[in-house]
Amino acid sequence: MSQETIARILSIEREAANLYADAEHQAADLIAEAKEAAAAMQEHALAQAQREAENIVTRGRETAEAERARIIAQAETEAQHIETLAERHFDRAVRYVLDQVAGRE
């Protein structure tokens, strides 16, 4: 083989080695970018899930508070009704007790 052919082969091999090294660097860069993108997407998804969880808790608290207020209002209404009934029958009850004590009945 001639010197030129050997020099040409060596040149092509160096060029191939450089291309291979560049390809490896590009692959490493792509892998790093993909890892960064995956981490960013994971952080975004986690933040979104956290916001959704907070919204669910807030809605749950609001629903529970509304139900509590409804139950309290209902209990107050029932208590008022019972008090009204008791007031209506109070005089009769007092007369009955007095009659029992006095021995009239």
PDB file of N, CA and C in Angstrom:
ATOM      1  N   MET A   1       0.839  -1.171   0.000  1.00  0.00           N
ATOM      2  CA  MET A   1       0.000   0.000   0.000  1.00  0.00           C
ATOM      3  C   MET A   1       0.885   1.235   0.000  1.00  0.00           C
ATOM      4  N   SER A   2       0.360   2.261  -0.618  1.00  0.00           N
ATOM      5  CA  SER A   2       1.156   3.478  -0.702  1.00  0.00           C
ATOM      6  C   SER A   2       0.939   4.336   0.537  1.00  0.00           C
ATOM      7  N   GLN A   3       1.844   5.235   0.723  1.00  0.00           N
ATOM      8  CA  GLN A   3       1.786   6.159   1.852  1.00  0.00           C
ATOM      9  C   GLN A   3       0.492   6.963   1.808  1.00  0.00           C
ATOM     10  N   GLU A   4       0.100   7.357   0.642  1.00  0.00           N
ATOM     11  CA  GLU A   4      -1.127   8.150   0.492  1.00  0.00           C
ATOM     12  C   GLU A   4      -2.345   7.345   0.944  1.00  0.00           C
ATOM     13  N   THR A   5      -2.402   6.103   0.570  1.00  0.00           N
ATOM     14  CA  THR A   5      -3.528   5.254   0.930  1.00  0.00           C
ATOM     15  C   THR A   5      -3.571   5.047   2.441  1.00  0.00           C
ATOM     16  N   ILE A   6      -2.402   4.791   3.026  1.00  0.00           N
ATOM     17  CA  ILE A   6      -2.342   4.617   4.472  1.00  0.00           C
ATOM     18  C   ILE A   6      -2.739   5.910   5.172  1.00  0.00           C
ATOM     19  N   ALA A   7      -2.266   7.031   4.714  1.00  0.00           N
ATOM     20  CA  ALA A   7      -2.604   8.336   5.300  1.00  0.00           C
ATOM     21  C   ALA A   7      -4.104   8.595   5.168  1.00  0.00           C
ATOM     22  N   ARG A   8      -4.651   8.258   4.018  1.00  0.00           N
ATOM     23  CA  ARG A   8      -6.093   8.435   3.777  1.00  0.00           C
ATOM     24  C   ARG A   8      -6.909   7.549   4.718  1.00  0.00           C
ATOM     25  N   ILE A   9      -6.483   6.298   4.892  1.00  0.00           N
ATOM     26  CA  ILE A   9      -7.174   5.369   5.796  1.00  0.00           C
ATOM     27  C   ILE A   9      -7.115   5.892   7.223  1.00  0.00           C
ATOM     28  N   LEU A  10      -5.941   6.340   7.654  1.00  0.00           N
ATOM     29  CA  LEU A  10      -5.792   6.889   9.001  1.00  0.00           C
ATOM     30  C   LEU A  10      -6.659   8.126   9.187  1.00  0.00           C
ATOM     31  N   SER A  11      -6.724   8.953   8.173  1.00  0.00           N
ATOM     32  CA  SER A  11      -7.554  10.158   8.220  1.00  0.00           C
ATOM     33  C   SER A  11      -9.025   9.781   8.354  1.00  0.00           C
ATOM     34  N   ILE A  12      -9.461   8.792   7.596  1.00  0.00           N
ATOM     35  CA  ILE A  12     -10.851   8.338   7.654  1.00  0.00           C
ATOM     36  C   ILE A  12     -11.141   7.729   9.029  1.00  0.00           C
ATOM     37  N   GLU A  13     -10.183   6.964   9.588  1.00  0.00           N
ATOM     38  CA  GLU A  13     -10.372   6.384  10.905  1.00  0.00           C
ATOM     39  C   GLU A  13     -10.472   7.459  11.985  1.00  0.00           C
ATOM     40  N   ARG A  14      -9.609   8.508  11.878  1.00  0.00           N
ATOM     41  CA  ARG A  14      -9.689   9.620  12.840  1.00  0.00           C
ATOM     42  C   ARG A  14     -11.034  10.336  12.720  1.00  0.00           C
ATOM     43  N   GLU A  15     -11.462  10.533  11.494  1.00  0.00           N
ATOM     44  CA  GLU A  15     -12.752  11.185  11.259  1.00  0.00           C
ATOM     45  C   GLU A  15     -13.891  10.335  11.827  1.00  0.00           C
ATOM     46  N   ALA A  16     -13.819   9.018  11.637  1.00  0.00           N
ATOM     47  CA  ALA A  16     -14.836   8.118  12.181  1.00  0.00           C
ATOM     48  C   ALA A  16     -14.801   8.142  13.710  1.00  0.00           C
ATOM     49  N   ALA A  17     -13.612   8.171  14.283  1.00  0.00           N
ATOM     50  CA  ALA A  17     -13.484   8.233  15.738  1.00  0.00           C
ATOM     51  C   ALA A  17     -14.065   9.543  16.260  1.00  0.00           C
ATOM     52  N   ASN A  18     -13.795  10.633  15.570  1.00  0.00           N
ATOM     53  CA  ASN A  18     -14.354  11.928  15.972  1.00  0.00           C
ATOM     54  C   ASN A  18     -15.882  11.926  15.867  1.00  0.00           C
ATOM     55  N   LEU A  19     -16.399  11.363  14.787  1.00  0.00           N
ATOM     56  CA  LEU A  19     -17.844  11.271  14.605  1.00  0.00           C
ATOM     57  C   LEU A  19     -18.466  10.421  15.725  1.00  0.00           C
ATOM     58  N   TYR A  20     -17.795   9.306  16.072  1.00  0.00           N
ATOM     59  CA  TYR A  20     -18.283   8.438  17.136  1.00  0.00           C
ATOM     60  C   TYR A  20     -18.283   9.180  18.472  1.00  0.00           C
ATOM     61  N   ALA A  21     -17.208   9.919  18.766  1.00  0.00           N
ATOM     62  CA  ALA A  21     -17.114  10.683  20.014  1.00  0.00           C
ATOM     63  C   ALA A  21     -18.192  11.765  20.055  1.00  0.00           C
ATOM     64  N   ASP A  22     -18.404  12.455  18.919  1.00  0.00           N
ATOM     65  CA  ASP A  22     -19.461  13.465  18.862  1.00  0.00           C
ATOM     66  C   ASP A  22     -20.836  12.834  19.095  1.00  0.00           C
ATOM     67  N   ALA A  23     -21.054  11.671  18.505  1.00  0.00           N
ATOM     68  CA  ALA A  23     -22.328  10.975  18.674  1.00  0.00           C
ATOM     69  C   ALA A  23     -22.524  10.590  20.143  1.00  0.00           C
ATOM     70  N   GLU A  24     -21.473  10.130  20.805  1.00  0.00           N
ATOM     71  CA  GLU A  24     -21.560   9.787  22.222  1.00  0.00           C
ATOM     72  C   GLU A  24     -21.898  11.020  23.061  1.00  0.00           C
ATOM     73  N   HIS A  25     -21.240  12.154  22.749  1.00  0.00           N
ATOM     74  CA  HIS A  25     -21.526  13.394  23.487  1.00  0.00           C
ATOM     75  C   HIS A  25     -22.974  13.835  23.265  1.00  0.00           C
ATOM     76  N   GLN A  26     -23.421  13.757  22.025  1.00  0.00           N
ATOM     77  CA  GLN A  26     -24.803  14.130  21.725  1.00  0.00           C
ATOM     78  C   GLN A  26     -25.785  13.206  22.457  1.00  0.00           C
ATOM     79  N   ALA A  27     -25.472  11.924  22.480  1.00  0.00           N
ATOM     80  CA  ALA A  27     -26.331  10.965  23.172  1.00  0.00           C
ATOM     81  C   ALA A  27     -26.370  11.277  24.670  1.00  0.00           C
ATOM     82  N   ALA A  28     -25.210  11.585  25.254  1.00  0.00           N
ATOM     83  CA  ALA A  28     -25.157  11.928  26.680  1.00  0.00           C
ATOM     84  C   ALA A  28     -25.948  13.206  26.940  1.00  0.00           C
ATOM     85  N   ASP A  29     -25.815  14.188  26.047  1.00  0.00           N
ATOM     86  CA  ASP A  29     -26.571  15.429  26.202  1.00  0.00           C
ATOM     87  C   ASP A  29     -28.072  15.161  26.115  1.00  0.00           C
ATOM     88  N   LEU A  30     -28.484  14.331  25.152  1.00  0.00           N
ATOM     89  CA  LEU A  30     -29.902  14.000  25.003  1.00  0.00           C
ATOM     90  C   LEU A  30     -30.439  13.275  26.240  1.00  0.00           C
ATOM     91  N   ILE A  31     -29.636  12.374  26.773  1.00  0.00           N
ATOM     92  CA  ILE A  31     -30.044  11.646  27.981  1.00  0.00           C
ATOM     93  C   ILE A  31     -30.196  12.626  29.149  1.00  0.00           C
ATOM     94  N   ALA A  32     -29.240  13.542  29.290  1.00  0.00           N
ATOM     95  CA  ALA A  32     -29.319  14.530  30.373  1.00  0.00           C
ATOM     96  C   ALA A  32     -30.547  15.418  30.199  1.00  0.00           C
ATOM     97  N   GLU A  33     -30.800  15.862  28.971  1.00  0.00           N
ATOM     98  CA  GLU A  33     -31.986  16.689  28.712  1.00  0.00           C
ATOM     99  C   GLU A  33     -33.271  15.911  29.012  1.00  0.00           C
ATOM    100  N   ALA A  34     -33.290  14.644  28.627  1.00  0.00           N
ATOM    101  CA  ALA A  34     -34.473  13.825  28.877  1.00  0.00           C
ATOM    102  C   ALA A  34     -34.693  13.646  30.382  1.00  0.00           C
ATOM    103  N   LYS A  35     -33.608  13.450  31.126  1.00  0.00           N
ATOM    104  CA  LYS A  35     -33.728  13.311  32.587  1.00  0.00           C
ATOM    105  C   LYS A  35     -34.242  14.615  33.203  1.00  0.00           C
ATOM    106  N   GLU A  36     -33.716  15.748  32.728  1.00  0.00           N
ATOM    107  CA  GLU A  36     -34.175  17.045  33.243  1.00  0.00           C
ATOM    108  C   GLU A  36     -35.646  17.271  32.913  1.00  0.00           C
ATOM    109  N   ALA A  37     -36.033  16.928  31.684  1.00  0.00           N
ATOM    110  CA  ALA A  37     -37.433  17.091  31.279  1.00  0.00           C
ATOM    111  C   ALA A  37     -38.335  16.178  32.106  1.00  0.00           C
ATOM    112  N   ALA A  38     -37.901  14.954  32.345  1.00  0.00           N
ATOM    113  CA  ALA A  38     -38.693  14.023  33.153  1.00  0.00           C
ATOM    114  C   ALA A  38     -38.826  14.532  34.585  1.00  0.00           C
ATOM    115  N   ALA A  39     -37.743  15.071  35.138  1.00  0.00           N
ATOM    116  CA  ALA A  39     -37.796  15.614  36.502  1.00  0.00           C
ATOM    117  C   ALA A  39     -38.731  16.816  36.561  1.00  0.00           C
ATOM    118  N   ALA A  40     -38.662  17.671  35.549  1.00  0.00           N
ATOM    119  CA  ALA A  40     -39.548  18.842  35.510  1.00  0.00           C
ATOM    120  C   ALA A  40     -41.008  18.407  35.391  1.00  0.00           C
ATOM    121  N   MET A  41     -41.266  17.409  34.552  1.00  0.00           N
ATOM    122  CA  MET A  41     -42.633  16.912  34.405  1.00  0.00           C
ATOM    123  C   MET A  41     -43.113  16.278  35.707  1.00  0.00           C
ATOM    124  N   GLN A  42     -42.234  15.565  36.384  1.00  0.00           N
ATOM    125  CA  GLN A  42     -42.599  14.943  37.655  1.00  0.00           C
ATOM    126  C   GLN A  42     -42.913  16.016  38.700  1.00  0.00           C
ATOM    127  N   GLU A  43     -42.093  17.065  38.758  1.00  0.00           N
ATOM    128  CA  GLU A  43     -42.348  18.165  39.693  1.00  0.00           C
ATOM    129  C   GLU A  43     -43.678  18.848  39.371  1.00  0.00           C
ATOM    130  N   HIS A  44     -43.919  19.059  38.089  1.00  0.00           N
ATOM    131  CA  HIS A  44     -45.175  19.695  37.668  1.00  0.00           C
ATOM    132  C   HIS A  44     -46.366  18.816  38.058  1.00  0.00           C
ATOM    133  N   ALA A  45     -46.267  17.531  37.792  1.00  0.00           N
ATOM    134  CA  ALA A  45     -47.359  16.611  38.127  1.00  0.00           C
ATOM    135  C   ALA A  45     -47.574  16.553  39.636  1.00  0.00           C
ATOM    136  N   LEU A  46     -46.497  16.547  40.399  1.00  0.00           N
ATOM    137  CA  LEU A  46     -46.597  16.519  41.854  1.00  0.00           C
ATOM    138  C   LEU A  46     -47.252  17.803  42.373  1.00  0.00           C
ATOM    139  N   ALA A  47     -46.844  18.949  41.826  1.00  0.00           N
ATOM    140  CA  ALA A  47     -47.444  20.220  42.238  1.00  0.00           C
ATOM    141  C   ALA A  47     -48.929  20.251  41.889  1.00  0.00           C
ATOM    142  N   GLN A  48     -49.258  19.764  40.709  1.00  0.00           N
ATOM    143  CA  GLN A  48     -50.654  19.726  40.285  1.00  0.00           C
ATOM    144  C   GLN A  48     -51.465  18.783  41.196  1.00  0.00           C
ATOM    145  N   ALA A  49     -50.903  17.641  41.527  1.00  0.00           N
ATOM    146  CA  ALA A  49     -51.583  16.701  42.416  1.00  0.00           C
ATOM    147  C   ALA A  49     -51.767  17.316  43.809  1.00  0.00           C
ATOM    148  N   GLN A  50     -50.756  18.053  44.267  1.00  0.00           N
ATOM    149  CA  GLN A  50     -50.850  18.713  45.574  1.00  0.00           C
ATOM    150  C   GLN A  50     -51.967  19.755  45.557  1.00  0.00           C
ATOM    151  N   ARG A  51     -52.052  20.542  44.483  1.00  0.00           N
ATOM    152  CA  ARG A  51     -53.120  21.549  44.373  1.00  0.00           C
ATOM    153  C   ARG A  51     -54.489  20.874  44.354  1.00  0.00           C
ATOM    154  N   GLU A  52     -54.599  19.799  43.616  1.00  0.00           N
ATOM    155  CA  GLU A  52     -55.867  19.076  43.541  1.00  0.00           C
ATOM    156  C   GLU A  52     -56.250  18.499  44.905  1.00  0.00           C
ATOM    157  N   ALA A  53     -55.261  17.952  45.617  1.00  0.00           N
ATOM    158  CA  ALA A  53     -55.526  17.415  46.957  1.00  0.00           C
ATOM    159  C   ALA A  53     -55.990  18.532  47.891  1.00  0.00           C
ATOM    160  N   GLU A  54     -55.357  19.683  47.803  1.00  0.00           N
ATOM    161  CA  GLU A  54     -55.764  20.821  48.633  1.00  0.00           C
ATOM    162  C   GLU A  54     -57.184  21.253  48.290  1.00  0.00           C
ATOM    163  N   ASN A  55     -57.507  21.258  47.004  1.00  0.00           N
ATOM    164  CA  ASN A  55     -58.871  21.608  46.585  1.00  0.00           C
ATOM    165  C   ASN A  55     -59.892  20.607  47.119  1.00  0.00           C
ATOM    166  N   ILE A  56     -59.551  19.334  47.072  1.00  0.00           N
ATOM    167  CA  ILE A  56     -60.457  18.296  47.574  1.00  0.00           C
ATOM    168  C   ILE A  56     -60.667  18.480  49.075  1.00  0.00           C
ATOM    169  N   VAL A  57     -59.586  18.737  49.804  1.00  0.00           N
ATOM    170  CA  VAL A  57     -59.700  18.946  51.250  1.00  0.00           C
ATOM    171  C   VAL A  57     -60.550  20.185  51.537  1.00  0.00           C
ATOM    172  N   THR A  58     -60.319  21.256  50.782  1.00  0.00           N
ATOM    173  CA  THR A  58     -61.088  22.486  50.979  1.00  0.00           C
ATOM    174  C   THR A  58     -62.565  22.246  50.710  1.00  0.00           C
ATOM    175  N   ARG A  59     -62.859  21.558  49.606  1.00  0.00           N
ATOM    176  CA  ARG A  59     -64.267  21.268  49.301  1.00  0.00           C
ATOM    177  C   ARG A  59     -64.888  20.384  50.372  1.00  0.00           C
ATOM    178  N   GLY A  60     -64.115  19.419  50.869  1.00  0.00           N
ATOM    179  CA  GLY A  60     -64.601  18.543  51.933  1.00  0.00           C
ATOM    180  C   GLY A  60     -64.902  19.334  53.200  1.00  0.00           C
ATOM    181  N   ARG A  61     -64.010  20.250  53.548  1.00  0.00           N
ATOM    182  CA  ARG A  61     -64.248  21.084  54.729  1.00  0.00           C
ATOM    183  C   ARG A  61     -65.484  21.953  54.545  1.00  0.00           C
ATOM    184  N   GLU A  62     -65.609  22.542  53.364  1.00  0.00           N
ATOM    185  CA  GLU A  62     -66.766  23.392  53.094  1.00  0.00           C
ATOM    186  C   GLU A  62     -68.060  22.588  53.170  1.00  0.00           C
ATOM    187  N   THR A  63     -68.044  21.395  52.610  1.00  0.00           N
ATOM    188  CA  THR A  63     -69.227  20.536  52.652  1.00  0.00           C
ATOM    189  C   THR A  63     -69.549  20.142  54.090  1.00  0.00           C
ATOM    190  N   ALA A  64     -68.520  19.772  54.839  1.00  0.00           N
ATOM    191  CA  ALA A  64     -68.722  19.390  56.238  1.00  0.00           C
ATOM    192  C   ALA A  64     -69.251  20.577  57.043  1.00  0.00           C
ATOM    193  N   GLU A  65     -68.714  21.756  56.811  1.00  0.00           N
ATOM    194  CA  GLU A  65     -69.170  22.945  57.535  1.00  0.00           C
ATOM    195  C   GLU A  65     -70.622  23.265  57.184  1.00  0.00           C
ATOM    196  N   ALA A  66     -70.976  23.146  55.917  1.00  0.00           N
ATOM    197  CA  ALA A  66     -72.359  23.396  55.507  1.00  0.00           C
ATOM    198  C   ALA A  66     -73.294  22.376  56.152  1.00  0.00           C
ATOM    199  N   GLU A  67     -72.885  21.123  56.179  1.00  0.00           N
ATOM    200  CA  GLU A  67     -73.709  20.079  56.802  1.00  0.00           C
ATOM    201  C   GLU A  67     -73.837  20.326  58.297  1.00  0.00           C
ATOM    202  N   ARG A  68     -72.742  20.715  58.944  1.00  0.00           N
ATOM    203  CA  ARG A  68     -72.774  21.021  60.374  1.00  0.00           C
ATOM    204  C   ARG A  68     -73.730  22.172  60.646  1.00  0.00           C
ATOM    205  N   ALA A  69     -73.643  23.222  59.830  1.00  0.00           N
ATOM    206  CA  ALA A  69     -74.528  24.378  60.002  1.00  0.00           C
ATOM    207  C   ALA A  69     -75.985  23.967  59.798  1.00  0.00           C
ATOM    208  N   ARG A  70     -76.236  23.111  58.814  1.00  0.00           N
ATOM    209  CA  ARG A  70     -77.600  22.644  58.561  1.00  0.00           C
ATOM    210  C   ARG A  70     -78.129  21.856  59.755  1.00  0.00           C
ATOM    211  N   ILE A  71     -77.298  20.962  60.293  1.00  0.00           N
ATOM    212  CA  ILE A  71     -77.714  20.137  61.434  1.00  0.00           C
ATOM    213  C   ILE A  71     -77.976  21.017  62.654  1.00  0.00           C
ATOM    214  N   ILE A  72     -77.105  21.984  62.893  1.00  0.00           N
ATOM    215  CA  ILE A  72     -77.297  22.884  64.030  1.00  0.00           C
ATOM    216  C   ILE A  72     -78.589  23.678  63.862  1.00  0.00           C
ATOM    217  N   ALA A  73     -78.824  24.192  62.660  1.00  0.00           N
ATOM    218  CA  ALA A  73     -80.053  24.950  62.414  1.00  0.00           C
ATOM    219  C   ALA A  73     -81.283  24.071  62.625  1.00  0.00           C
ATOM    220  N   GLN A  74     -81.209  22.831  62.151  1.00  0.00           N
ATOM    221  CA  GLN A  74     -82.326  21.904  62.331  1.00  0.00           C
ATOM    222  C   GLN A  74     -82.542  21.610  63.819  1.00  0.00           C
ATOM    223  N   ALA A  75     -81.463  21.407  64.557  1.00  0.00           N
ATOM    224  CA  ALA A  75     -81.577  21.127  65.995  1.00  0.00           C
ATOM    225  C   ALA A  75     -82.151  22.339  66.726  1.00  0.00           C
ATOM    226  N   GLU A  76     -81.730  23.535  66.337  1.00  0.00           N
ATOM    227  CA  GLU A  76     -82.269  24.740  66.960  1.00  0.00           C
ATOM    228  C   GLU A  76     -83.757  24.884  66.674  1.00  0.00           C
ATOM    229  N   THR A  77     -84.153  24.570  65.438  1.00  0.00           N
ATOM    230  CA  THR A  77     -85.567  24.634  65.077  1.00  0.00           C
ATOM    231  C   THR A  77     -86.370  23.629  65.891  1.00  0.00           C
ATOM    232  N   GLU A  78     -85.868  22.412  66.011  1.00  0.00           N
ATOM    233  CA  GLU A  78     -86.562  21.384  66.784  1.00  0.00           C
ATOM    234  C   GLU A  78     -86.631  21.776  68.264  1.00  0.00           C
ATOM    235  N   ALA A  79     -85.540  22.327  68.780  1.00  0.00           N
ATOM    236  CA  ALA A  79     -85.532  22.758  70.179  1.00  0.00           C
ATOM    237  C   ALA A  79     -86.551  23.869  70.400  1.00  0.00           C
ATOM    238  N   GLN A  80     -86.637  24.791  69.468  1.00  0.00           N
ATOM    239  CA  GLN A  80     -87.611  25.881  69.573  1.00  0.00           C
ATOM    240  C   GLN A  80     -89.029  25.326  69.532  1.00  0.00           C
ATOM    241  N   HIS A  81     -89.242  24.351  68.660  1.00  0.00           N
ATOM    242  CA  HIS A  81     -90.561  23.729  68.552  1.00  0.00           C
ATOM    243  C   HIS A  81     -90.938  23.041  69.869  1.00  0.00           C
ATOM    244  N   ILE A  82     -89.981  22.294  70.429  1.00  0.00           N
ATOM    245  CA  ILE A  82     -90.236  21.603  71.696  1.00  0.00           C
ATOM    246  C   ILE A  82     -90.491  22.627  72.803  1.00  0.00           C
ATOM    247  N   GLU A  83     -89.736  23.702  72.804  1.00  0.00           N
ATOM    248  CA  GLU A  83     -89.935  24.744  73.813  1.00  0.00           C
ATOM    249  C   GLU A  83     -91.312  25.380  73.676  1.00  0.00           C
ATOM    250  N   THR A  84     -91.729  25.612  72.447  1.00  0.00           N
ATOM    251  CA  THR A  84     -93.066  26.176  72.210  1.00  0.00           C
ATOM    252  C   THR A  84     -94.139  25.226  72.712  1.00  0.00           C
ATOM    253  N   LEU A  85     -93.997  23.941  72.405  1.00  0.00           N
ATOM    254  CA  LEU A  85     -94.958  22.944  72.895  1.00  0.00           C
ATOM    255  C   LEU A  85     -94.973  22.902  74.422  1.00  0.00           C
ATOM    256  N   ALA A  86     -93.799  22.958  75.016  1.00  0.00           N
ATOM    257  CA  ALA A  86     -93.703  22.909  76.475  1.00  0.00           C
ATOM    258  C   ALA A  86     -94.384  24.129  77.088  1.00  0.00           C
ATOM    259  N   GLU A  87     -94.196  25.292  76.493  1.00  0.00           N
ATOM    260  CA  GLU A  87     -94.827  26.506  77.010  1.00  0.00           C
ATOM    261  C   GLU A  87     -96.349  26.398  76.930  1.00  0.00           C
ATOM    262  N   ARG A  88     -96.843  25.812  75.831  1.00  0.00           N
ATOM    263  CA  ARG A  88     -98.288  25.654  75.676  1.00  0.00           C
ATOM    264  C   ARG A  88     -98.876  24.754  76.744  1.00  0.00           C
ATOM    265  N   HIS A  89     -98.150  23.736  77.135  1.00  0.00           N
ATOM    266  CA  HIS A  89     -98.668  22.759  78.090  1.00  0.00           C
ATOM    267  C   HIS A  89     -98.219  23.047  79.528  1.00  0.00           C
ATOM    268  N   PHE A  90     -97.448  24.081  79.732  1.00  0.00           N
ATOM    269  CA  PHE A  90     -96.911  24.369  81.056  1.00  0.00           C
ATOM    270  C   PHE A  90     -98.022  24.645  82.074  1.00  0.00           C
ATOM    271  N   ASP A  91     -98.937  25.521  81.690  1.00  0.00           N
ATOM    272  CA  ASP A  91    -100.032  25.846  82.624  1.00  0.00           C
ATOM    273  C   ASP A  91    -100.828  24.596  82.987  1.00  0.00           C
ATOM    274  N   ARG A  92    -101.138  23.788  82.009  1.00  0.00           N
ATOM    275  CA  ARG A  92    -101.878  22.556  82.268  1.00  0.00           C
ATOM    276  C   ARG A  92    -101.102  21.620  83.188  1.00  0.00           C
ATOM    277  N   ALA A  93     -99.801  21.529  82.952  1.00  0.00           N
ATOM    278  CA  ALA A  93     -98.959  20.653  83.770  1.00  0.00           C
ATOM    279  C   ALA A  93     -98.903  21.166  85.205  1.00  0.00           C
ATOM    280  N   VAL A  94     -98.801  22.471  85.374  1.00  0.00           N
ATOM    281  CA  VAL A  94     -98.764  23.045  86.719  1.00  0.00           C
ATOM    282  C   VAL A  94    -100.078  22.778  87.441  1.00  0.00           C
ATOM    283  N   ARG A  95    -101.179  22.995  86.748  1.00  0.00           N
ATOM    284  CA  ARG A  95    -102.490  22.722  87.355  1.00  0.00           C
ATOM    285  C   ARG A  95    -102.610  21.250  87.744  1.00  0.00           C
ATOM    286  N   TYR A  96    -102.150  20.356  86.886  1.00  0.00           N
ATOM    287  CA  TYR A  96    -102.222  18.930  87.169  1.00  0.00           C
ATOM    288  C   TYR A  96    -101.430  18.596  88.429  1.00  0.00           C
ATOM    289  N   VAL A  97    -100.198  19.132  88.514  1.00  0.00           N
ATOM    290  CA  VAL A  97     -99.351  18.857  89.682  1.00  0.00           C
ATOM    291  C   VAL A  97    -100.002  19.425  90.939  1.00  0.00           C
ATOM    292  N   LEU A  98    -100.502  20.637  90.835  1.00  0.00           N
ATOM    293  CA  LEU A  98    -101.154  21.244  91.998  1.00  0.00           C
ATOM    294  C   LEU A  98    -102.383  20.440  92.411  1.00  0.00           C
ATOM    295  N   ASP A  99    -103.151  19.993  91.444  1.00  0.00           N
ATOM    296  CA  ASP A  99    -104.314  19.160  91.753  1.00  0.00           C
ATOM    297  C   ASP A  99    -103.886  17.867  92.415  1.00  0.00           C
ATOM    298  N   GLN A 100    -102.818  17.264  91.943  1.00  0.00           N
ATOM    299  CA  GLN A 100    -102.322  16.022  92.535  1.00  0.00           C
ATOM    300  C   GLN A 100    -101.861  16.251  93.966  1.00  0.00           C
ATOM    301  N   VAL A 101    -101.160  17.359  94.166  1.00  0.00           N
ATOM    302  CA  VAL A 101    -100.673  17.668  95.501  1.00  0.00           C
ATOM    303  C   VAL A 101    -101.851  17.976  96.435  1.00  0.00           C
ATOM    304  N   ALA A 102    -102.813  18.694  95.930  1.00  0.00           N
ATOM    305  CA  ALA A 102    -103.962  19.066  96.752  1.00  0.00           C
ATOM    306  C   ALA A 102    -104.936  17.913  96.900  1.00  0.00           C
ATOM    307  N   GLY A 103    -104.743  16.873  96.136  1.00  0.00           N
ATOM    308  CA  GLY A 103    -105.626  15.712  96.231  1.00  0.00           C
ATOM    309  C   GLY A 103    -106.960  15.900  95.549  1.00  0.00           C
ATOM    310  N   ARG A 104    -107.047  16.751  94.562  1.00  0.00           N
ATOM    311  CA  ARG A 104    -108.299  17.008  93.871  1.00  0.00           C
ATOM    312  C   ARG A 104    -108.560  15.997  92.764  1.00  0.00           C
ATOM    313  N   GLU A 105    -107.624  15.284  92.331  1.00  0.00           N
ATOM    314  CA  GLU A 105    -107.857  14.300  91.270  1.00  0.00           C
ATOM    315  C   GLU A 105    -107.483  12.931  91.682  1.00  0.00           C
TER     316      GLU A 105
END
